[in-house]
């Protein structure tokens, strides 16, 4: 048989095929899917084939929120019960790439290098703006179906509570009568479609500039006929990406040797500390809210001043200068009635954060 000659990749000359380059081609379809998947949230680990959802422009959006079965340590739902959102806390604008990371302290009760840095700055007398920038933000994730783009299947919506969809939903639930279909909006069968209006709003930057973000400003609920009982919704508790302490510390400090910071002045420390990029404030709890303290039990927040809480316990005693990291959101134990669990009113996410995307 005659020899088969092919062009050499480097020399452009003929060769006899013995040194032929073995090519490994990427899959064009996979690349296209990645390009169209949109922004992926760094603090979440989404299942294969599930993409993030975000509001792209002003206008109306029609969304069906799907229930998932809550796992252990869910702050708003008991294990085994169907729920509609997953509340979590994240540090934003971390490192040179301004990424978002789950807070180890608020989510898992473990040491968090960013919270430790914040506490050190508080002891040094750093400015309030710098301290606020380091507080973890309260955020939520939901499993949704975009009614006008159902081909994308289940998507994950992630955003802040206060300026996001969660607060609008809670307002609707609070205003609804007991047993209203509104309280069952997320049920797989007999739920409701959310008609969400988004508007572009501006904010000011610390450097004097400005920016815009899309904010849900109004919400209505419409009856829906679609039954989602056959949908395999991932457990939202499992989507939180738990960062490694050492790696998070390295990213936050940009690889700098912290031992060199021991002699820094407050001004020098502030110069390397992220500051808010908009007019958000980090009020982790609100006056009048019930919280749980490891020593004082269930307390009521009487005052928030200089980043500290004034609490009143069930015996009427007051406790001052309590660091917010020492308390957690208090959720009363619900009366367990498994046979009517899906008819219970969704728990309200009690914390209010004045934060923007």
Protein backbone atom coordinates (compact mmCIF):
# COMPACT_ATOMS: atom_id res chain seq x y z
CA UNK A 1 0.00 0.00 0.00
CA UNK A 2 1.17 3.52 -0.68
CA UNK A 3 2.20 5.56 2.33
CA UNK A 4 -0.17 8.21 3.61
CA UNK A 5 1.54 11.56 3.95
CA UNK A 6 0.26 14.41 6.10
CA UNK A 7 1.38 17.92 6.72
CA UNK A 8 3.52 18.52 9.80
CA UNK A 9 1.94 21.04 12.19
CA UNK A 10 5.23 22.80 12.89
CA UNK A 11 7.26 22.52 9.68
CA UNK A 12 4.55 22.48 7.03
CA UNK A 13 6.43 19.60 5.39
CA UNK A 14 5.30 16.14 4.43
CA UNK A 15 5.86 13.28 6.85
CA UNK A 16 4.93 9.64 6.83
CA UNK A 17 2.36 9.83 9.72
CA UNK A 18 4.67 8.34 12.36
CA UNK A 19 4.88 11.62 14.30
CA UNK A 20 1.31 12.73 13.71
CA UNK A 21 -0.01 15.07 16.40
CA UNK A 22 -2.87 13.63 18.43
CA UNK A 23 -5.58 16.26 18.78
CA UNK A 24 -8.09 16.52 21.62
CA UNK A 25 -11.05 18.65 20.57
CA UNK A 26 -13.30 20.46 23.01
CA UNK A 27 -17.04 20.02 22.71
CA UNK A 28 -18.53 23.11 21.07
CA UNK A 29 -21.96 22.41 22.57
CA UNK A 30 -20.54 22.33 26.09
CA UNK A 31 -18.78 25.65 25.52
CA UNK A 32 -21.97 27.23 24.22
CA UNK A 33 -23.89 26.02 27.26
CA UNK A 34 -21.28 27.49 29.61
CA UNK A 35 -21.42 30.84 27.81
CA UNK A 36 -25.19 30.97 28.10
CA UNK A 37 -25.29 29.75 31.70
CA UNK A 38 -24.81 33.26 33.02
CA UNK A 39 -23.14 34.46 36.19
CA UNK A 40 -22.24 31.71 38.66
CA UNK A 41 -22.29 32.59 42.36
CA UNK A 42 -18.94 31.86 44.02
CA UNK A 43 -20.53 31.09 47.40
CA UNK A 44 -22.70 28.30 45.95
CA UNK A 45 -21.95 24.90 44.49
CA UNK A 46 -24.71 24.27 41.95
CA UNK A 47 -25.57 20.74 40.79
CA UNK A 48 -24.59 19.74 37.27
CA UNK A 49 -27.09 21.05 34.77
CA UNK A 50 -28.56 23.64 37.14
CA UNK A 51 -27.74 27.29 36.41
CA UNK A 52 -28.18 30.51 38.31
CA UNK A 53 -31.03 32.91 37.53
CA UNK A 54 -30.73 36.66 37.69
CA UNK A 55 -32.79 39.64 36.58
CA UNK A 56 -31.26 40.91 33.35
CA UNK A 57 -33.29 44.04 32.57
CA UNK A 58 -36.17 46.18 33.76
CA UNK A 59 -39.64 44.75 33.35
CA UNK A 60 -41.87 41.88 34.48
CA UNK A 61 -40.75 38.38 35.40
CA UNK A 62 -43.02 35.42 36.09
CA UNK A 63 -41.51 32.87 38.45
CA UNK A 64 -42.67 29.66 40.12
CA UNK A 65 -40.86 29.01 43.40
CA UNK A 66 -40.43 25.28 44.10
CA UNK A 67 -40.30 23.52 47.47
CA UNK A 68 -37.29 21.55 48.64
CA UNK A 69 -36.92 19.25 51.63
CA UNK A 70 -34.93 21.00 54.35
CA UNK A 71 -31.84 19.33 55.75
CA UNK A 72 -30.05 19.70 59.08
CA UNK A 73 -29.14 23.11 60.53
CA UNK A 74 -31.53 25.04 58.30
CA UNK A 75 -32.09 28.39 60.10
CA UNK A 76 -35.70 28.77 58.90
CA UNK A 77 -37.12 25.26 58.57
CA UNK A 78 -37.13 21.97 60.47
CA UNK A 79 -35.39 18.99 58.91
CA UNK A 80 -37.68 16.97 56.67
CA UNK A 81 -40.17 19.79 56.07
CA UNK A 82 -40.77 21.37 52.68
CA UNK A 83 -39.60 24.98 52.51
CA UNK A 84 -39.18 27.64 49.84
CA UNK A 85 -35.90 29.45 50.53
CA UNK A 86 -32.53 29.00 52.17
CA UNK A 87 -31.26 31.90 54.24
CA UNK A 88 -27.49 32.18 54.59
CA UNK A 89 -24.80 34.76 55.31
CA UNK A 90 -21.98 35.74 52.99
CA UNK A 91 -18.99 38.09 52.92
CA UNK A 92 -18.96 40.16 49.73
CA UNK A 93 -16.17 41.88 47.85
CA UNK A 94 -13.46 39.54 49.19
CA UNK A 95 -9.96 39.56 47.73
CA UNK A 96 -8.61 41.05 44.54
CA UNK A 97 -11.46 39.55 42.50
CA UNK A 98 -14.20 40.86 44.84
CA UNK A 99 -15.76 37.42 45.22
CA UNK A 100 -18.49 36.32 47.60
CA UNK A 101 -17.79 33.67 50.26
CA UNK A 102 -20.03 31.99 52.82
CA UNK A 103 -19.35 33.12 56.38
CA UNK A 104 -17.94 30.24 58.43
CA UNK A 105 -19.16 31.78 61.70
CA UNK A 106 -22.77 32.61 60.83
CA UNK A 107 -23.45 29.52 58.72
CA UNK A 108 -21.54 26.81 60.59
CA UNK A 109 -20.54 28.34 63.94
CA UNK A 110 -16.85 27.97 63.11
CA UNK A 111 -13.94 30.42 63.19
CA UNK A 112 -14.07 32.88 60.30
CA UNK A 113 -10.92 34.85 59.37
CA UNK A 114 -12.93 37.81 58.09
CA UNK A 115 -15.02 38.05 61.26
CA UNK A 116 -11.84 37.74 63.33
CA UNK A 117 -10.29 40.60 61.35
CA UNK A 118 -13.40 42.70 61.93
CA UNK A 119 -13.28 42.07 65.67
CA UNK A 120 -9.60 43.04 65.74
CA UNK A 121 -10.39 46.29 63.93
CA UNK A 122 -13.16 47.00 66.42
CA UNK A 123 -10.67 46.64 69.26
CA UNK A 124 -8.33 49.04 67.46
CA UNK A 125 -11.06 51.62 67.03
CA UNK A 126 -11.52 51.43 63.26
CA UNK A 127 -14.20 53.52 61.58
CA UNK A 128 -17.81 52.34 61.48
CA UNK A 129 -17.83 52.12 57.66
CA UNK A 130 -14.87 49.76 57.68
CA UNK A 131 -16.49 47.58 60.35
CA UNK A 132 -19.80 47.46 58.48
CA UNK A 133 -18.07 46.38 55.26
CA UNK A 134 -16.80 43.25 57.01
CA UNK A 135 -20.13 42.11 58.45
CA UNK A 136 -21.61 39.06 56.66
CA UNK A 137 -24.68 39.91 54.58
CA UNK A 138 -27.96 38.07 54.93
CA UNK A 139 -28.89 36.49 51.60
CA UNK A 140 -31.31 33.91 50.24
CA UNK A 141 -31.44 31.26 47.54
CA UNK A 142 -34.55 29.81 45.90
CA UNK A 143 -35.22 27.10 43.33
CA UNK A 144 -37.37 28.65 40.61
CA UNK A 145 -38.88 28.00 37.20
CA UNK A 146 -38.91 30.94 34.79
CA UNK A 147 -42.44 30.60 33.41
CA UNK A 148 -41.47 32.39 30.19
CA UNK A 149 -38.38 30.20 29.67
CA UNK A 150 -39.32 26.78 31.03
CA UNK A 151 -36.81 25.01 28.78
CA UNK A 152 -34.06 26.04 31.21
CA UNK A 153 -35.67 23.92 33.90
CA UNK A 154 -34.90 24.52 37.57
CA UNK A 155 -32.68 27.54 38.18
CA UNK A 156 -31.26 28.99 41.40
CA UNK A 157 -32.09 32.59 42.29
CA UNK A 158 -29.68 34.17 44.76
CA UNK A 159 -29.86 37.65 46.23
CA UNK A 160 -30.06 39.88 49.30
CA UNK A 161 -33.04 39.62 51.60
CA UNK A 162 -33.79 43.29 52.23
CA UNK A 163 -33.54 44.53 48.64
CA UNK A 164 -34.39 41.20 47.08
CA UNK A 165 -37.37 39.00 46.44
CA UNK A 166 -37.52 37.57 49.95
CA UNK A 167 -38.71 40.73 51.69
CA UNK A 168 -41.45 41.26 49.08
CA UNK A 169 -42.67 37.69 49.59
CA UNK A 170 -42.68 38.10 53.37
CA UNK A 171 -44.71 41.31 53.08
CA UNK A 172 -47.34 39.45 51.04
CA UNK A 173 -47.46 36.60 53.54
CA UNK A 174 -47.77 38.96 56.52
CA UNK A 175 -50.71 40.76 54.92
CA UNK A 176 -52.52 37.54 53.96
CA UNK A 177 -55.32 35.96 55.96
CA UNK A 178 -54.67 32.66 57.71
CA UNK A 179 -55.18 29.84 55.23
CA UNK A 180 -54.90 32.14 52.22
CA UNK A 181 -53.51 30.58 49.01
CA UNK A 182 -50.75 33.20 49.26
CA UNK A 183 -49.19 31.25 52.14
CA UNK A 184 -49.00 28.19 49.89
CA UNK A 185 -47.40 29.97 46.93
CA UNK A 186 -44.47 27.53 46.83
CA UNK A 187 -46.43 24.29 47.02
CA UNK A 188 -45.67 21.83 44.23
CA UNK A 189 -49.39 21.36 43.59
CA UNK A 190 -51.74 24.31 43.96
CA UNK A 191 -49.03 26.95 44.27
CA UNK A 192 -48.93 30.43 42.79
CA UNK A 193 -46.85 32.22 40.17
CA UNK A 194 -44.93 35.31 41.27
CA UNK A 195 -45.33 38.32 38.99
CA UNK A 196 -42.24 40.38 39.81
CA UNK A 197 -41.56 43.90 38.58
CA UNK A 198 -37.92 44.98 38.44
CA UNK A 199 -36.55 48.49 38.14
CA UNK A 200 -33.04 49.82 37.72
CA UNK A 201 -31.94 51.92 40.69
CA UNK A 202 -28.76 53.88 41.22
CA UNK A 203 -26.35 54.03 44.11
CA UNK A 204 -23.35 56.12 45.00
CA UNK A 205 -19.84 54.74 45.31
CA UNK A 206 -17.37 55.71 48.00
CA UNK A 207 -15.04 57.21 45.39
CA UNK A 208 -17.77 59.60 44.24
CA UNK A 209 -18.87 57.51 41.28
CA UNK A 210 -22.19 55.78 40.82
CA UNK A 211 -23.64 52.51 39.64
CA UNK A 212 -26.96 50.75 39.00
CA UNK A 213 -28.57 47.51 40.03
CA UNK A 214 -31.87 45.75 39.24
CA UNK A 215 -34.20 45.70 42.21
CA UNK A 216 -37.52 43.84 42.57
CA UNK A 217 -39.95 46.62 43.51
CA UNK A 218 -43.36 44.98 43.34
CA UNK A 219 -44.81 41.49 43.64
CA UNK A 220 -48.18 39.98 42.84
CA UNK A 221 -49.24 36.33 43.07
CA UNK A 222 -51.37 34.57 40.48
CA UNK A 223 -52.93 31.08 40.71
CA UNK A 224 -51.13 28.48 38.62
CA UNK A 225 -52.24 25.15 37.24
CA UNK A 226 -48.81 23.61 36.69
CA UNK A 227 -48.07 20.68 39.00
CA UNK A 228 -44.41 20.30 39.97
CA UNK A 229 -44.70 17.13 42.05
CA UNK A 230 -42.45 15.31 39.58
CA UNK A 231 -39.65 17.87 39.83
CA UNK A 232 -36.47 16.70 41.57
CA UNK A 233 -35.52 19.86 43.44
CA UNK A 234 -32.02 19.85 44.99
CA UNK A 235 -31.73 20.44 48.72
CA UNK A 236 -30.74 24.10 48.98
CA UNK A 237 -28.89 23.42 52.24
CA UNK A 238 -26.39 21.37 50.23
CA UNK A 239 -25.63 24.20 47.80
CA UNK A 240 -23.68 26.36 50.25
CA UNK A 241 -19.99 26.17 49.44
CA UNK A 242 -18.08 25.93 52.71
CA UNK A 243 -14.72 27.69 52.33
CA UNK A 244 -11.49 26.38 53.79
CA UNK A 245 -10.38 28.60 56.67
CA UNK A 246 -6.75 28.88 55.53
CA UNK A 247 -7.62 29.51 51.90
CA UNK A 248 -10.23 32.13 52.80
CA UNK A 249 -7.75 33.85 55.07
CA UNK A 250 -5.16 33.90 52.31
CA UNK A 251 -7.60 35.30 49.76
CA UNK A 252 -8.86 37.94 52.18
CA UNK A 253 -5.39 39.14 53.08
CA UNK A 254 -4.15 38.72 49.51
CA UNK A 255 -1.39 36.38 50.64
CA UNK A 256 0.22 38.97 52.91
CA UNK A 257 2.00 37.82 56.06
CA UNK A 258 -0.31 38.90 58.86
CA UNK A 259 2.59 38.93 61.29
CA UNK A 260 3.73 42.09 59.53
CA UNK A 261 0.46 43.76 60.50
CA UNK A 262 1.04 43.46 64.23
CA UNK A 263 2.55 46.90 64.44
CA UNK A 264 0.23 48.64 62.00
CA UNK A 265 -1.78 51.64 63.06
CA UNK A 266 -5.54 51.68 62.59
CA UNK A 267 -5.12 53.92 59.53
CA UNK A 268 -2.68 51.46 57.95
CA UNK A 269 -5.01 48.54 58.60
CA UNK A 270 -7.99 50.44 57.16
CA UNK A 271 -6.04 51.19 54.02
CA UNK A 272 -5.97 47.46 53.17
CA UNK A 273 -9.50 46.70 54.34
CA UNK A 274 -12.41 46.63 51.86
CA UNK A 275 -14.96 49.41 52.32
CA UNK A 276 -18.58 49.43 51.15
CA UNK A 277 -18.93 50.07 47.43
CA UNK A 278 -22.41 51.56 47.84
CA UNK A 279 -24.67 52.96 50.53
CA UNK A 280 -25.43 49.64 52.18
CA UNK A 281 -25.41 49.36 55.95
CA UNK A 282 -24.79 46.19 57.87
CA UNK A 283 -27.53 46.00 60.48
CA UNK A 284 -27.56 42.29 61.16
CA UNK A 285 -30.50 42.50 63.56
CA UNK A 286 -33.25 45.04 64.13
CA UNK A 287 -34.69 46.65 67.26
CA UNK A 288 -37.55 44.60 68.66
CA UNK A 289 -36.33 41.34 67.12
CA UNK A 290 -35.95 38.23 69.24
CA UNK A 291 -32.50 36.62 69.19
CA UNK A 292 -30.85 33.71 70.97
CA UNK A 293 -27.76 34.16 73.15
CA UNK A 294 -25.74 31.19 74.40
CA UNK A 295 -25.63 32.59 77.95
CA UNK A 296 -28.75 34.75 78.31
CA UNK A 297 -31.14 32.62 76.26
CA UNK A 298 -33.90 34.20 74.18
CA UNK A 299 -33.64 37.99 74.29
CA UNK A 300 -35.18 41.04 72.67
CA UNK A 301 -32.99 43.61 70.91
CA UNK A 302 -33.58 46.97 72.64
CA UNK A 303 -30.92 49.06 70.92
CA UNK A 304 -28.22 48.90 68.25
CA UNK A 305 -25.38 51.35 68.72
CA UNK A 306 -21.82 51.43 67.39
CA UNK A 307 -22.13 47.90 66.06
CA UNK A 308 -23.20 46.50 69.47
CA UNK A 309 -26.52 45.22 70.78
CA UNK A 310 -28.43 46.02 73.94
CA UNK A 311 -30.51 42.98 74.93
CA UNK A 312 -33.31 42.28 77.36
CA UNK A 313 -33.72 38.69 78.54
CA UNK A 314 -36.93 36.91 79.59
CA UNK A 315 -36.34 37.93 83.24
CA UNK A 316 -36.26 41.60 82.31
CA UNK A 317 -32.51 42.03 82.82
CA UNK A 318 -30.61 44.09 80.24
CA UNK A 319 -27.23 43.26 78.75
CA UNK A 320 -25.16 45.89 76.96
CA UNK A 321 -22.38 45.92 74.36
CA UNK A 322 -23.19 42.46 73.02
CA UNK A 323 -21.32 41.60 69.83
CA UNK A 324 -23.82 40.51 67.12
CA UNK A 325 -21.64 37.46 66.44
CA UNK A 326 -22.65 36.15 69.89
CA UNK A 327 -26.33 35.85 68.98
CA UNK A 328 -28.37 34.15 66.29
CA UNK A 329 -31.82 34.63 64.81
CA UNK A 330 -34.43 33.07 67.09
CA UNK A 331 -36.99 30.84 65.41
CA UNK A 332 -39.71 29.41 67.69
CA UNK A 333 -40.17 25.66 67.55
CA UNK A 334 -43.27 25.03 65.42
CA UNK A 335 -46.04 22.72 66.46
CA UNK A 336 -45.31 19.58 64.47
CA UNK A 337 -48.31 18.32 62.57
CA UNK A 338 -46.90 16.15 59.75
CA UNK A 339 -50.31 15.56 58.20
CA UNK A 340 -50.76 19.29 57.50
CA UNK A 341 -47.15 20.38 57.19
CA UNK A 342 -47.63 21.84 53.71
CA UNK A 343 -50.46 24.10 54.92
CA UNK A 344 -48.37 25.93 57.49
CA UNK A 345 -47.52 29.54 56.97
CA UNK A 346 -43.94 29.98 55.70
CA UNK A 347 -41.55 31.26 58.31
CA UNK A 348 -40.59 34.89 58.00
CA UNK A 349 -36.94 35.74 57.55
CA UNK A 350 -36.73 38.11 60.48
CA UNK A 351 -33.43 39.90 59.89
CA UNK A 352 -33.43 43.18 58.00
CA UNK A 353 -30.32 44.24 56.08
CA UNK A 354 -30.09 47.58 54.28
CA UNK A 355 -28.04 46.12 51.49
CA UNK A 356 -27.89 46.35 47.74
CA UNK A 357 -26.67 44.01 45.06
